[in-house]
């Protein structure tokens, strides 16, 4: 299984980038194939409908769409800005949502955050769930937020708190078990709508796809 592990921060020394790097190692240790990336790998301007109409999607957005499509699962380690989603992360979602077929649809997604604060960026993750779930992503119920993150990592990149390390490892393992089941076994058919009043002939999606 291929897992895109995306850091929502490209800042030097970012605790979310460090968390994403650790998660990529855990994904590999669980037998899946991590595809690590940061938003800096996908430069794109602020979303503008006129730009889209005149020029189409920017190269960075198209590249991100391709990486999401190529993965069976998506992990996002996102900062929290003012108790909500960082503008760069939301902007990337807005651009990607314009691509067809829309790549977030039915994508198993795990949300993580790290922050020096006592809540670990958790409020931002609740806000991040909204656009992703609206776009049809299957956001994993459990989220992982790392508080006091500036003191949480050892020199080897692992978490210094054994309990938190075990919880993160268990969360990644459980998420990957779900992704494997969702990828390999037909367990659900569903018809996806963009909003409740949408009565279009949206196709039924089988979860075991060739």
N, C-alpha and C. Protein backbone atom coordinates (compact mmCIF):
# COMPACT_ATOMS: atom_id res chain seq x y z
N UNK A 1 0.84 -1.19 0.00
CA UNK A 1 0.00 0.00 0.00
C UNK A 1 0.88 1.24 0.00
N UNK A 2 0.47 2.22 -0.75
CA UNK A 2 1.20 3.48 -0.84
C UNK A 2 0.45 4.53 0.00
N UNK A 3 1.19 5.22 0.85
CA UNK A 3 0.60 6.20 1.76
C UNK A 3 1.30 7.54 1.56
N UNK A 4 0.56 8.54 1.12
CA UNK A 4 1.11 9.89 1.01
C UNK A 4 1.10 10.53 2.39
N UNK A 5 2.28 10.85 2.90
CA UNK A 5 2.42 11.49 4.21
C UNK A 5 2.81 12.94 3.96
N UNK A 6 1.86 13.83 4.17
CA UNK A 6 2.02 15.23 3.78
C UNK A 6 2.15 16.13 5.00
N UNK A 7 3.24 16.88 5.06
CA UNK A 7 3.39 17.90 6.09
C UNK A 7 2.74 19.19 5.60
N UNK A 8 1.85 19.74 6.43
CA UNK A 8 1.19 20.99 6.08
C UNK A 8 2.05 22.21 6.36
N UNK A 9 3.29 21.99 6.78
CA UNK A 9 4.22 23.09 7.03
C UNK A 9 5.55 22.78 6.37
N UNK A 10 6.13 23.77 5.71
CA UNK A 10 7.45 23.60 5.10
C UNK A 10 8.51 24.43 5.82
N UNK A 11 8.13 25.01 6.95
CA UNK A 11 9.05 25.87 7.70
C UNK A 11 10.22 25.06 8.24
N UNK A 12 11.41 25.61 8.18
CA UNK A 12 12.59 24.95 8.71
C UNK A 12 12.39 24.68 10.21
N UNK A 13 12.59 23.46 10.61
CA UNK A 13 12.43 23.11 12.01
C UNK A 13 11.00 22.88 12.43
N UNK A 14 10.07 22.80 11.49
CA UNK A 14 8.66 22.62 11.81
C UNK A 14 8.43 21.33 12.59
N UNK A 15 7.68 21.41 13.67
CA UNK A 15 7.37 20.21 14.44
C UNK A 15 6.41 19.31 13.67
N UNK A 16 5.60 19.88 12.80
CA UNK A 16 4.72 19.04 11.99
C UNK A 16 5.50 18.30 10.92
N UNK A 17 6.53 18.92 10.37
CA UNK A 17 7.39 18.21 9.43
C UNK A 17 8.12 17.06 10.14
N UNK A 18 8.53 17.28 11.38
CA UNK A 18 9.19 16.22 12.14
C UNK A 18 8.22 15.10 12.46
N UNK A 19 6.98 15.47 12.79
CA UNK A 19 5.97 14.44 13.05
C UNK A 19 5.68 13.64 11.79
N UNK A 20 5.58 14.32 10.64
CA UNK A 20 5.34 13.62 9.38
C UNK A 20 6.49 12.67 9.05
N UNK A 21 7.72 13.09 9.31
CA UNK A 21 8.87 12.23 9.05
C UNK A 21 8.83 10.98 9.92
N UNK A 22 8.44 11.17 11.19
CA UNK A 22 8.32 10.02 12.09
C UNK A 22 7.23 9.07 11.61
N UNK A 23 6.10 9.63 11.19
CA UNK A 23 5.00 8.80 10.71
C UNK A 23 5.41 8.03 9.46
N UNK A 24 6.16 8.65 8.57
CA UNK A 24 6.64 7.94 7.37
C UNK A 24 7.47 6.72 7.77
N UNK A 25 8.29 6.86 8.81
CA UNK A 25 9.07 5.73 9.30
C UNK A 25 8.17 4.64 9.85
N UNK A 26 7.14 5.04 10.59
CA UNK A 26 6.21 4.06 11.16
C UNK A 26 5.42 3.35 10.07
N UNK A 27 5.03 4.08 9.05
CA UNK A 27 4.33 3.48 7.92
C UNK A 27 5.21 2.42 7.26
N UNK A 28 6.48 2.77 7.03
CA UNK A 28 7.40 1.80 6.44
C UNK A 28 7.59 0.59 7.35
N UNK A 29 7.67 0.85 8.66
CA UNK A 29 7.84 -0.25 9.60
C UNK A 29 6.65 -1.18 9.65
N UNK A 30 5.49 -0.67 9.28
CA UNK A 30 4.28 -1.49 9.26
C UNK A 30 4.11 -2.24 7.95
N UNK A 31 5.05 -2.07 7.01
CA UNK A 31 5.01 -2.81 5.77
C UNK A 31 4.38 -2.09 4.60
N UNK A 32 3.99 -0.83 4.77
CA UNK A 32 3.45 -0.04 3.67
C UNK A 32 4.55 0.83 3.08
N UNK A 33 4.23 1.50 1.98
CA UNK A 33 5.22 2.33 1.28
C UNK A 33 4.89 3.80 1.49
N UNK A 34 5.67 4.51 2.32
CA UNK A 34 5.39 5.93 2.54
C UNK A 34 5.85 6.78 1.37
N UNK A 35 5.09 7.80 1.07
CA UNK A 35 5.45 8.80 0.06
C UNK A 35 5.50 10.15 0.78
N UNK A 36 6.64 10.52 1.36
CA UNK A 36 6.71 11.76 2.15
C UNK A 36 6.73 13.00 1.27
N UNK A 37 6.08 14.05 1.74
CA UNK A 37 6.02 15.30 0.98
C UNK A 37 5.69 16.44 1.94
N UNK A 38 5.97 17.66 1.50
CA UNK A 38 5.53 18.86 2.21
C UNK A 38 4.83 19.76 1.20
N UNK A 39 4.09 20.74 1.70
CA UNK A 39 3.40 21.66 0.81
C UNK A 39 4.38 22.44 -0.07
N UNK A 40 5.62 22.58 0.38
CA UNK A 40 6.62 23.27 -0.43
C UNK A 40 6.91 22.54 -1.74
N UNK A 41 6.59 21.25 -1.80
CA UNK A 41 6.80 20.48 -3.02
C UNK A 41 5.76 20.81 -4.09
N UNK A 42 4.70 21.54 -3.68
CA UNK A 42 3.58 21.79 -4.58
C UNK A 42 3.22 23.28 -4.57
N UNK A 43 4.08 24.14 -5.10
CA UNK A 43 3.80 25.58 -5.07
C UNK A 43 2.56 25.91 -5.91
N UNK A 44 1.72 26.76 -5.35
CA UNK A 44 0.52 27.17 -6.07
C UNK A 44 0.05 28.52 -5.53
N UNK A 45 -0.54 29.35 -6.36
CA UNK A 45 -1.01 30.66 -5.89
C UNK A 45 -2.30 30.50 -5.08
N UNK A 46 -2.75 31.58 -4.48
CA UNK A 46 -4.05 31.56 -3.83
C UNK A 46 -5.13 31.26 -4.87
N UNK A 47 -6.11 30.47 -4.44
CA UNK A 47 -7.12 30.07 -5.41
C UNK A 47 -7.85 31.29 -5.97
N UNK A 48 -8.01 31.30 -7.28
CA UNK A 48 -8.70 32.38 -7.98
C UNK A 48 -9.43 31.75 -9.16
N UNK A 49 -10.75 31.90 -9.19
CA UNK A 49 -11.54 31.33 -10.25
C UNK A 49 -11.17 31.85 -11.62
N UNK A 50 -10.77 33.12 -11.70
CA UNK A 50 -10.35 33.67 -12.99
C UNK A 50 -9.05 33.03 -13.48
N UNK A 51 -8.13 32.80 -12.55
CA UNK A 51 -6.88 32.14 -12.91
C UNK A 51 -7.17 30.72 -13.40
N UNK A 52 -8.06 30.04 -12.71
CA UNK A 52 -8.41 28.69 -13.13
C UNK A 52 -9.03 28.69 -14.53
N UNK A 53 -9.92 29.65 -14.77
CA UNK A 53 -10.59 29.71 -16.07
C UNK A 53 -9.61 30.03 -17.20
N UNK A 54 -8.63 30.89 -16.91
CA UNK A 54 -7.69 31.33 -17.94
C UNK A 54 -6.53 30.37 -18.14
N UNK A 55 -6.06 29.77 -17.04
CA UNK A 55 -4.82 29.00 -17.10
C UNK A 55 -4.97 27.55 -16.67
N UNK A 56 -6.12 27.19 -16.10
CA UNK A 56 -6.28 25.85 -15.56
C UNK A 56 -5.61 25.71 -14.21
N UNK A 57 -5.51 24.49 -13.73
CA UNK A 57 -4.88 24.26 -12.43
C UNK A 57 -3.38 24.47 -12.54
N UNK A 58 -2.77 25.09 -11.51
CA UNK A 58 -1.31 25.26 -11.53
C UNK A 58 -0.59 23.92 -11.45
N UNK A 59 0.67 23.92 -11.88
CA UNK A 59 1.44 22.67 -11.90
C UNK A 59 1.54 22.04 -10.52
N UNK A 60 1.70 22.88 -9.49
CA UNK A 60 1.81 22.34 -8.14
C UNK A 60 0.56 21.60 -7.72
N UNK A 61 -0.60 22.15 -8.05
CA UNK A 61 -1.87 21.50 -7.70
C UNK A 61 -2.02 20.19 -8.47
N UNK A 62 -1.66 20.19 -9.74
CA UNK A 62 -1.75 18.97 -10.55
C UNK A 62 -0.82 17.89 -10.01
N UNK A 63 0.37 18.30 -9.58
CA UNK A 63 1.32 17.34 -9.02
C UNK A 63 0.78 16.73 -7.74
N UNK A 64 0.15 17.56 -6.90
CA UNK A 64 -0.42 17.05 -5.66
C UNK A 64 -1.58 16.11 -5.96
N UNK A 65 -2.41 16.44 -6.94
CA UNK A 65 -3.49 15.54 -7.34
C UNK A 65 -2.95 14.18 -7.75
N UNK A 66 -1.88 14.17 -8.52
CA UNK A 66 -1.30 12.91 -8.98
C UNK A 66 -0.79 12.07 -7.82
N UNK A 67 -0.17 12.74 -6.84
CA UNK A 67 0.36 11.99 -5.69
C UNK A 67 -0.77 11.43 -4.83
N UNK A 68 -1.86 12.19 -4.69
CA UNK A 68 -3.02 11.69 -3.93
C UNK A 68 -3.65 10.51 -4.66
N UNK A 69 -3.81 10.63 -5.96
CA UNK A 69 -4.42 9.55 -6.75
C UNK A 69 -3.59 8.28 -6.70
N UNK A 70 -2.27 8.42 -6.64
CA UNK A 70 -1.39 7.26 -6.67
C UNK A 70 -1.34 6.52 -5.34
N UNK A 71 -1.88 7.12 -4.28
CA UNK A 71 -1.82 6.54 -2.94
C UNK A 71 -3.16 5.91 -2.56
N UNK A 72 -3.08 4.86 -1.76
CA UNK A 72 -4.30 4.26 -1.20
C UNK A 72 -4.77 5.00 0.05
N UNK A 73 -3.89 5.82 0.62
CA UNK A 73 -4.25 6.54 1.84
C UNK A 73 -3.46 7.84 1.92
N UNK A 74 -3.99 8.74 2.71
CA UNK A 74 -3.39 10.06 2.88
C UNK A 74 -3.27 10.36 4.37
N UNK A 75 -2.10 10.80 4.79
CA UNK A 75 -1.87 11.27 6.16
C UNK A 75 -1.43 12.72 6.08
N UNK A 76 -2.10 13.59 6.83
CA UNK A 76 -1.76 15.01 6.84
C UNK A 76 -1.36 15.41 8.25
N UNK A 77 -0.16 15.96 8.40
CA UNK A 77 0.28 16.55 9.66
C UNK A 77 0.19 18.06 9.50
N UNK A 78 -0.81 18.65 10.13
CA UNK A 78 -1.10 20.06 9.88
C UNK A 78 -0.91 20.92 11.12
N UNK A 79 -0.32 22.09 10.96
CA UNK A 79 -0.28 23.05 12.06
C UNK A 79 -1.68 23.59 12.36
N UNK A 80 -1.77 24.30 13.44
CA UNK A 80 -3.00 25.02 13.79
C UNK A 80 -2.68 26.52 13.80
N UNK A 81 -3.43 27.27 13.01
CA UNK A 81 -3.28 28.73 13.00
C UNK A 81 -4.56 29.36 13.54
N UNK A 82 -4.43 30.06 14.65
CA UNK A 82 -5.57 30.75 15.23
C UNK A 82 -6.76 29.83 15.41
N UNK A 83 -6.49 28.64 15.96
CA UNK A 83 -7.52 27.65 16.28
C UNK A 83 -8.22 27.12 15.04
N UNK A 84 -7.56 27.17 13.88
CA UNK A 84 -8.21 26.69 12.66
C UNK A 84 -7.17 26.17 11.67
N UNK A 85 -7.60 26.02 10.41
CA UNK A 85 -6.75 25.45 9.37
C UNK A 85 -5.80 26.51 8.82
N UNK A 86 -4.52 26.19 8.64
CA UNK A 86 -3.61 27.15 8.00
C UNK A 86 -4.09 27.47 6.58
N UNK A 87 -3.89 28.71 6.18
CA UNK A 87 -4.35 29.14 4.86
C UNK A 87 -3.74 28.32 3.74
N UNK A 88 -2.47 27.96 3.85
CA UNK A 88 -1.81 27.21 2.79
C UNK A 88 -2.42 25.82 2.62
N UNK A 89 -2.78 25.19 3.73
CA UNK A 89 -3.40 23.87 3.66
C UNK A 89 -4.78 23.97 3.02
N UNK A 90 -5.58 24.94 3.46
CA UNK A 90 -6.92 25.11 2.88
C UNK A 90 -6.83 25.48 1.41
N UNK A 91 -5.86 26.29 1.04
CA UNK A 91 -5.70 26.68 -0.35
C UNK A 91 -5.38 25.47 -1.23
N UNK A 92 -4.53 24.58 -0.73
CA UNK A 92 -4.20 23.37 -1.48
C UNK A 92 -5.45 22.50 -1.66
N UNK A 93 -6.24 22.38 -0.62
CA UNK A 93 -7.48 21.60 -0.72
C UNK A 93 -8.41 22.23 -1.76
N UNK A 94 -8.52 23.55 -1.74
CA UNK A 94 -9.41 24.23 -2.69
C UNK A 94 -8.98 23.99 -4.13
N UNK A 95 -7.68 24.07 -4.40
CA UNK A 95 -7.21 23.82 -5.76
C UNK A 95 -7.44 22.36 -6.16
N UNK A 96 -7.07 21.44 -5.29
CA UNK A 96 -7.21 20.02 -5.61
C UNK A 96 -8.67 19.65 -5.85
N UNK A 97 -9.57 20.30 -5.13
CA UNK A 97 -11.00 19.98 -5.26
C UNK A 97 -11.54 20.30 -6.65
N UNK A 98 -10.81 21.11 -7.44
CA UNK A 98 -11.26 21.49 -8.77
C UNK A 98 -10.88 20.46 -9.83
N UNK A 99 -10.04 19.51 -9.45
CA UNK A 99 -9.58 18.48 -10.38
C UNK A 99 -10.67 17.42 -10.55
N UNK A 100 -10.77 16.83 -11.74
CA UNK A 100 -11.72 15.76 -11.99
C UNK A 100 -11.00 14.55 -12.60
N UNK A 101 -11.26 13.35 -12.06
CA UNK A 101 -12.12 13.07 -10.93
C UNK A 101 -11.51 13.58 -9.63
N UNK A 102 -12.33 14.03 -8.74
CA UNK A 102 -11.92 14.70 -7.52
C UNK A 102 -11.18 13.70 -6.60
N UNK A 103 -9.87 13.90 -6.35
CA UNK A 103 -9.05 12.85 -5.74
C UNK A 103 -9.27 12.61 -4.25
N UNK A 104 -9.91 13.52 -3.55
CA UNK A 104 -10.17 13.26 -2.12
C UNK A 104 -11.31 12.26 -1.92
N UNK A 105 -12.15 12.10 -2.92
CA UNK A 105 -13.33 11.24 -2.79
C UNK A 105 -12.92 9.81 -2.44
N UNK A 106 -13.46 9.31 -1.34
CA UNK A 106 -13.24 7.94 -0.86
C UNK A 106 -11.81 7.67 -0.39
N UNK A 107 -10.99 8.70 -0.27
CA UNK A 107 -9.60 8.49 0.15
C UNK A 107 -9.54 8.34 1.67
N UNK A 108 -9.01 7.23 2.14
CA UNK A 108 -8.82 7.04 3.58
C UNK A 108 -7.77 8.04 4.06
N UNK A 109 -8.12 8.81 5.08
CA UNK A 109 -7.30 9.96 5.49
C UNK A 109 -7.14 9.99 7.00
N UNK A 110 -5.93 10.19 7.45
CA UNK A 110 -5.62 10.32 8.87
C UNK A 110 -5.06 11.70 9.13
N UNK A 111 -5.55 12.36 10.17
CA UNK A 111 -5.12 13.72 10.49
C UNK A 111 -4.28 13.74 11.76
N UNK A 112 -3.16 14.45 11.69
CA UNK A 112 -2.23 14.60 12.82
C UNK A 112 -1.88 16.07 12.97
N UNK A 113 -1.44 16.44 14.16
CA UNK A 113 -0.98 17.80 14.37
C UNK A 113 0.08 17.80 15.47
N UNK A 114 0.89 18.83 15.46
CA UNK A 114 1.89 19.04 16.50
C UNK A 114 1.98 20.53 16.77
N UNK A 115 2.10 20.88 18.03
CA UNK A 115 2.14 22.30 18.40
C UNK A 115 2.83 22.44 19.74
N UNK A 116 3.51 23.58 19.98
CA UNK A 116 4.05 23.85 21.31
C UNK A 116 2.97 24.05 22.36
N UNK A 117 1.73 24.24 21.94
CA UNK A 117 0.64 24.51 22.87
C UNK A 117 0.25 23.25 23.63
N UNK A 118 -0.60 23.43 24.64
CA UNK A 118 -1.06 22.31 25.45
C UNK A 118 -2.11 21.47 24.75
N UNK A 119 -2.73 21.99 23.69
CA UNK A 119 -3.75 21.21 22.98
C UNK A 119 -3.20 20.58 21.71
N UNK A 120 -1.96 20.87 21.37
CA UNK A 120 -1.29 20.16 20.30
C UNK A 120 -1.82 20.41 18.90
N UNK A 121 -2.56 21.50 18.72
CA UNK A 121 -3.10 21.79 17.39
C UNK A 121 -4.40 21.07 17.09
N UNK A 122 -5.02 20.47 18.10
CA UNK A 122 -6.21 19.66 17.88
C UNK A 122 -7.39 20.44 17.33
N UNK A 123 -7.52 21.71 17.71
CA UNK A 123 -8.65 22.51 17.21
C UNK A 123 -8.56 22.69 15.70
N UNK A 124 -7.35 22.82 15.19
CA UNK A 124 -7.17 22.94 13.76
C UNK A 124 -7.59 21.68 13.01
N UNK A 125 -7.39 20.52 13.64
CA UNK A 125 -7.77 19.28 12.98
C UNK A 125 -9.29 19.15 12.86
N UNK A 126 -10.02 19.60 13.87
CA UNK A 126 -11.48 19.54 13.77
C UNK A 126 -11.97 20.43 12.63
N UNK A 127 -11.31 21.56 12.45
CA UNK A 127 -11.68 22.43 11.33
C UNK A 127 -11.28 21.81 10.00
N UNK A 128 -10.16 21.09 9.98
CA UNK A 128 -9.68 20.48 8.75
C UNK A 128 -10.57 19.34 8.29
N UNK A 129 -11.21 18.67 9.23
CA UNK A 129 -12.12 17.58 8.86
C UNK A 129 -13.25 18.06 7.96
N UNK A 130 -13.71 19.29 8.17
CA UNK A 130 -14.92 19.76 7.49
C UNK A 130 -14.78 19.75 5.97
N UNK A 131 -13.78 20.45 5.37
CA UNK A 131 -13.69 20.42 3.91
C UNK A 131 -13.34 19.04 3.36
N UNK A 132 -12.52 18.27 4.10
CA UNK A 132 -12.15 16.95 3.60
C UNK A 132 -13.35 16.00 3.57
N UNK A 133 -14.13 16.00 4.64
CA UNK A 133 -15.30 15.14 4.66
C UNK A 133 -16.35 15.61 3.66
N UNK A 134 -16.46 16.92 3.48
CA UNK A 134 -17.37 17.45 2.47
C UNK A 134 -17.01 16.94 1.08
N UNK A 135 -15.71 16.77 0.83
CA UNK A 135 -15.23 16.32 -0.48
C UNK A 135 -15.24 14.80 -0.61
N UNK A 136 -15.71 14.11 0.41
CA UNK A 136 -15.85 12.66 0.33
C UNK A 136 -14.72 11.85 0.90
N UNK A 137 -13.71 12.51 1.50
CA UNK A 137 -12.63 11.76 2.13
C UNK A 137 -13.17 11.00 3.34
N UNK A 138 -12.62 9.83 3.56
CA UNK A 138 -13.01 9.02 4.71
C UNK A 138 -12.02 9.29 5.84
N UNK A 139 -12.32 10.33 6.60
CA UNK A 139 -11.39 10.78 7.63
C UNK A 139 -11.49 9.86 8.84
N UNK A 140 -10.35 9.30 9.23
CA UNK A 140 -10.29 8.34 10.33
C UNK A 140 -10.78 9.00 11.62
N UNK A 141 -11.62 8.29 12.39
CA UNK A 141 -12.19 8.93 13.60
C UNK A 141 -11.14 9.40 14.60
N UNK A 142 -10.11 8.58 14.83
CA UNK A 142 -9.07 8.95 15.79
C UNK A 142 -8.07 9.91 15.13
N UNK A 143 -7.77 10.98 15.83
CA UNK A 143 -6.74 11.92 15.38
C UNK A 143 -5.64 11.96 16.44
N UNK A 144 -4.44 12.33 16.02
CA UNK A 144 -3.32 12.39 16.96
C UNK A 144 -2.79 13.81 17.02
N UNK A 145 -2.80 14.39 18.21
CA UNK A 145 -2.28 15.75 18.41
C UNK A 145 -1.16 15.71 19.45
N UNK A 146 -0.03 16.26 19.08
CA UNK A 146 1.15 16.23 19.93
C UNK A 146 1.35 17.58 20.60
N UNK A 147 1.09 17.63 21.91
CA UNK A 147 1.27 18.86 22.67
C UNK A 147 2.74 19.03 23.08
N UNK A 148 3.11 20.27 23.41
CA UNK A 148 4.50 20.57 23.83
C UNK A 148 5.49 19.96 22.83
N UNK A 149 5.17 20.09 21.56
CA UNK A 149 5.91 19.36 20.53
C UNK A 149 7.36 19.81 20.41
N UNK A 150 7.66 21.04 20.82
CA UNK A 150 9.04 21.51 20.72
C UNK A 150 9.97 20.78 21.68
N UNK A 151 9.39 20.04 22.65
CA UNK A 151 10.19 19.25 23.58
C UNK A 151 9.93 17.75 23.42
N UNK A 152 9.18 17.36 22.39
CA UNK A 152 8.67 15.99 22.32
C UNK A 152 9.55 15.02 21.56
N UNK A 153 10.51 15.53 20.78
CA UNK A 153 11.29 14.66 19.91
C UNK A 153 12.71 14.46 20.44
N UNK A 154 13.18 13.22 20.33
CA UNK A 154 14.56 12.93 20.68
C UNK A 154 15.46 13.16 19.48
N UNK A 155 16.75 12.98 19.69
CA UNK A 155 17.71 13.20 18.62
C UNK A 155 17.51 12.23 17.46
N UNK A 156 16.91 11.07 17.74
CA UNK A 156 16.66 10.08 16.70
C UNK A 156 15.36 10.33 15.95
N UNK A 157 14.64 11.39 16.31
CA UNK A 157 13.39 11.71 15.65
C UNK A 157 12.17 11.04 16.24
N UNK A 158 12.37 10.12 17.19
CA UNK A 158 11.26 9.45 17.84
C UNK A 158 10.72 10.33 18.98
N UNK A 159 9.55 9.97 19.49
CA UNK A 159 8.98 10.69 20.61
C UNK A 159 9.65 10.24 21.90
N UNK A 160 9.95 11.19 22.77
CA UNK A 160 10.64 10.85 24.02
C UNK A 160 9.70 10.24 25.05
N UNK A 161 8.41 10.51 24.93
CA UNK A 161 7.44 9.94 25.85
C UNK A 161 7.03 8.56 25.33
N UNK A 162 7.35 7.48 26.07
CA UNK A 162 7.04 6.13 25.57
C UNK A 162 5.55 5.92 25.35
N UNK A 163 4.72 6.46 26.22
CA UNK A 163 3.28 6.29 26.07
C UNK A 163 2.75 6.93 24.80
N UNK A 164 3.23 8.14 24.52
CA UNK A 164 2.80 8.80 23.29
C UNK A 164 3.31 8.06 22.06
N UNK A 165 4.54 7.56 22.14
CA UNK A 165 5.08 6.79 21.03
C UNK A 165 4.27 5.54 20.75
N UNK A 166 3.86 4.85 21.81
CA UNK A 166 3.04 3.65 21.63
C UNK A 166 1.68 4.01 21.06
N UNK A 167 1.11 5.12 21.52
CA UNK A 167 -0.20 5.51 21.00
C UNK A 167 -0.13 5.88 19.53
N UNK A 168 0.92 6.61 19.14
CA UNK A 168 1.06 6.97 17.73
C UNK A 168 1.26 5.73 16.87
N UNK A 169 2.10 4.81 17.32
CA UNK A 169 2.33 3.58 16.57
C UNK A 169 1.05 2.78 16.43
N UNK A 170 0.27 2.69 17.51
CA UNK A 170 -0.99 1.95 17.47
C UNK A 170 -1.98 2.62 16.54
N UNK A 171 -2.03 3.96 16.54
CA UNK A 171 -2.94 4.68 15.66
C UNK A 171 -2.60 4.43 14.20
N UNK A 172 -1.32 4.50 13.87
CA UNK A 172 -0.88 4.25 12.50
C UNK A 172 -1.21 2.81 12.10
N UNK A 173 -0.94 1.86 12.99
CA UNK A 173 -1.22 0.46 12.68
C UNK A 173 -2.69 0.19 12.43
N UNK A 174 -3.55 0.76 13.29
CA UNK A 174 -4.99 0.55 13.13
C UNK A 174 -5.50 1.20 11.85
N UNK A 175 -4.98 2.39 11.56
CA UNK A 175 -5.38 3.07 10.33
C UNK A 175 -4.98 2.26 9.10
N UNK A 176 -3.77 1.73 9.09
CA UNK A 176 -3.31 0.95 7.94
C UNK A 176 -4.09 -0.36 7.80
N UNK A 177 -4.50 -0.95 8.91
CA UNK A 177 -5.35 -2.14 8.84
C UNK A 177 -6.65 -1.82 8.12
N UNK A 178 -7.23 -0.67 8.44
CA UNK A 178 -8.47 -0.25 7.79
C UNK A 178 -8.24 0.00 6.30
N UNK A 179 -7.13 0.67 5.99
CA UNK A 179 -6.82 0.96 4.58
C UNK A 179 -6.66 -0.34 3.80
N UNK A 180 -5.97 -1.32 4.39
CA UNK A 180 -5.77 -2.59 3.71
C UNK A 180 -7.10 -3.29 3.46
N UNK A 181 -7.95 -3.32 4.47
CA UNK A 181 -9.26 -3.95 4.31
C UNK A 181 -10.09 -3.21 3.26
N UNK A 182 -10.01 -1.90 3.28
CA UNK A 182 -10.79 -1.08 2.34
C UNK A 182 -10.29 -1.24 0.92
N UNK A 183 -8.98 -1.50 0.78
CA UNK A 183 -8.38 -1.64 -0.54
C UNK A 183 -8.59 -3.03 -1.12
N UNK A 184 -8.48 -4.05 -0.28
CA UNK A 184 -8.44 -5.41 -0.77
C UNK A 184 -9.80 -6.11 -0.81
N UNK A 185 -10.73 -5.68 0.04
CA UNK A 185 -11.95 -6.45 0.18
C UNK A 185 -13.17 -5.59 -0.09
N UNK A 186 -14.08 -6.13 -0.88
CA UNK A 186 -15.32 -5.44 -1.15
C UNK A 186 -16.19 -5.50 0.10
N UNK A 187 -16.38 -4.36 0.73
CA UNK A 187 -17.14 -4.34 1.98
C UNK A 187 -18.29 -3.34 1.96
N UNK A 188 -18.32 -2.50 0.94
CA UNK A 188 -19.30 -1.43 0.97
C UNK A 188 -19.53 -0.90 -0.43
N UNK A 189 -20.76 -0.61 -0.74
CA UNK A 189 -21.08 0.16 -1.92
C UNK A 189 -21.84 1.40 -1.46
N UNK A 190 -21.52 2.51 -2.04
CA UNK A 190 -22.15 3.75 -1.60
C UNK A 190 -22.31 4.68 -2.79
N UNK A 191 -23.25 5.57 -2.66
CA UNK A 191 -23.43 6.61 -3.66
C UNK A 191 -23.07 7.93 -2.99
N UNK A 192 -22.10 8.63 -3.58
CA UNK A 192 -21.56 9.85 -2.96
C UNK A 192 -22.17 11.08 -3.58
N UNK A 193 -22.61 12.01 -2.72
CA UNK A 193 -23.14 13.29 -3.17
C UNK A 193 -22.33 14.41 -2.55
N UNK A 194 -22.21 15.51 -3.27
CA UNK A 194 -21.44 16.62 -2.75
C UNK A 194 -22.15 17.28 -1.58
N UNK A 195 -23.47 17.28 -1.60
CA UNK A 195 -24.23 17.85 -0.48
C UNK A 195 -25.58 17.13 -0.45
N UNK A 196 -26.33 17.28 0.64
CA UNK A 196 -27.51 16.48 0.88
C UNK A 196 -28.59 16.69 -0.18
N UNK A 197 -28.67 17.89 -0.73
CA UNK A 197 -29.69 18.16 -1.73
C UNK A 197 -29.32 17.75 -3.14
N UNK A 198 -28.15 17.16 -3.30
CA UNK A 198 -27.66 16.77 -4.62
C UNK A 198 -28.33 15.46 -5.02
N UNK A 199 -29.18 15.50 -6.03
CA UNK A 199 -29.90 14.32 -6.48
C UNK A 199 -29.41 13.85 -7.84
N UNK A 200 -28.14 14.08 -8.14
CA UNK A 200 -27.59 13.67 -9.43
C UNK A 200 -27.41 12.16 -9.47
N UNK A 201 -27.12 11.65 -10.64
CA UNK A 201 -26.87 10.22 -10.81
C UNK A 201 -25.40 9.92 -10.51
N UNK A 202 -24.99 10.21 -9.29
CA UNK A 202 -23.61 9.94 -8.90
C UNK A 202 -23.35 8.44 -8.94
N UNK A 203 -22.19 8.03 -9.42
CA UNK A 203 -21.94 6.58 -9.56
C UNK A 203 -21.78 5.89 -8.22
N UNK A 204 -22.23 4.65 -8.19
CA UNK A 204 -21.99 3.81 -7.01
C UNK A 204 -20.51 3.46 -7.00
N UNK A 205 -19.89 3.55 -5.82
CA UNK A 205 -18.46 3.28 -5.68
C UNK A 205 -18.25 1.94 -4.98
N UNK A 206 -17.54 1.04 -5.60
CA UNK A 206 -17.15 -0.20 -4.95
C UNK A 206 -15.80 -0.02 -4.30
N UNK A 207 -15.65 -0.48 -3.08
CA UNK A 207 -14.44 -0.19 -2.34
C UNK A 207 -13.29 -1.14 -2.68
N UNK A 208 -13.55 -2.25 -3.34
CA UNK A 208 -12.45 -3.10 -3.85
C UNK A 208 -12.32 -2.77 -5.32
N UNK A 209 -11.35 -1.97 -5.65
CA UNK A 209 -11.21 -1.48 -7.02
C UNK A 209 -9.97 -2.08 -7.66
N UNK A 210 -10.08 -2.50 -8.92
CA UNK A 210 -8.92 -3.05 -9.61
C UNK A 210 -7.94 -1.94 -9.96
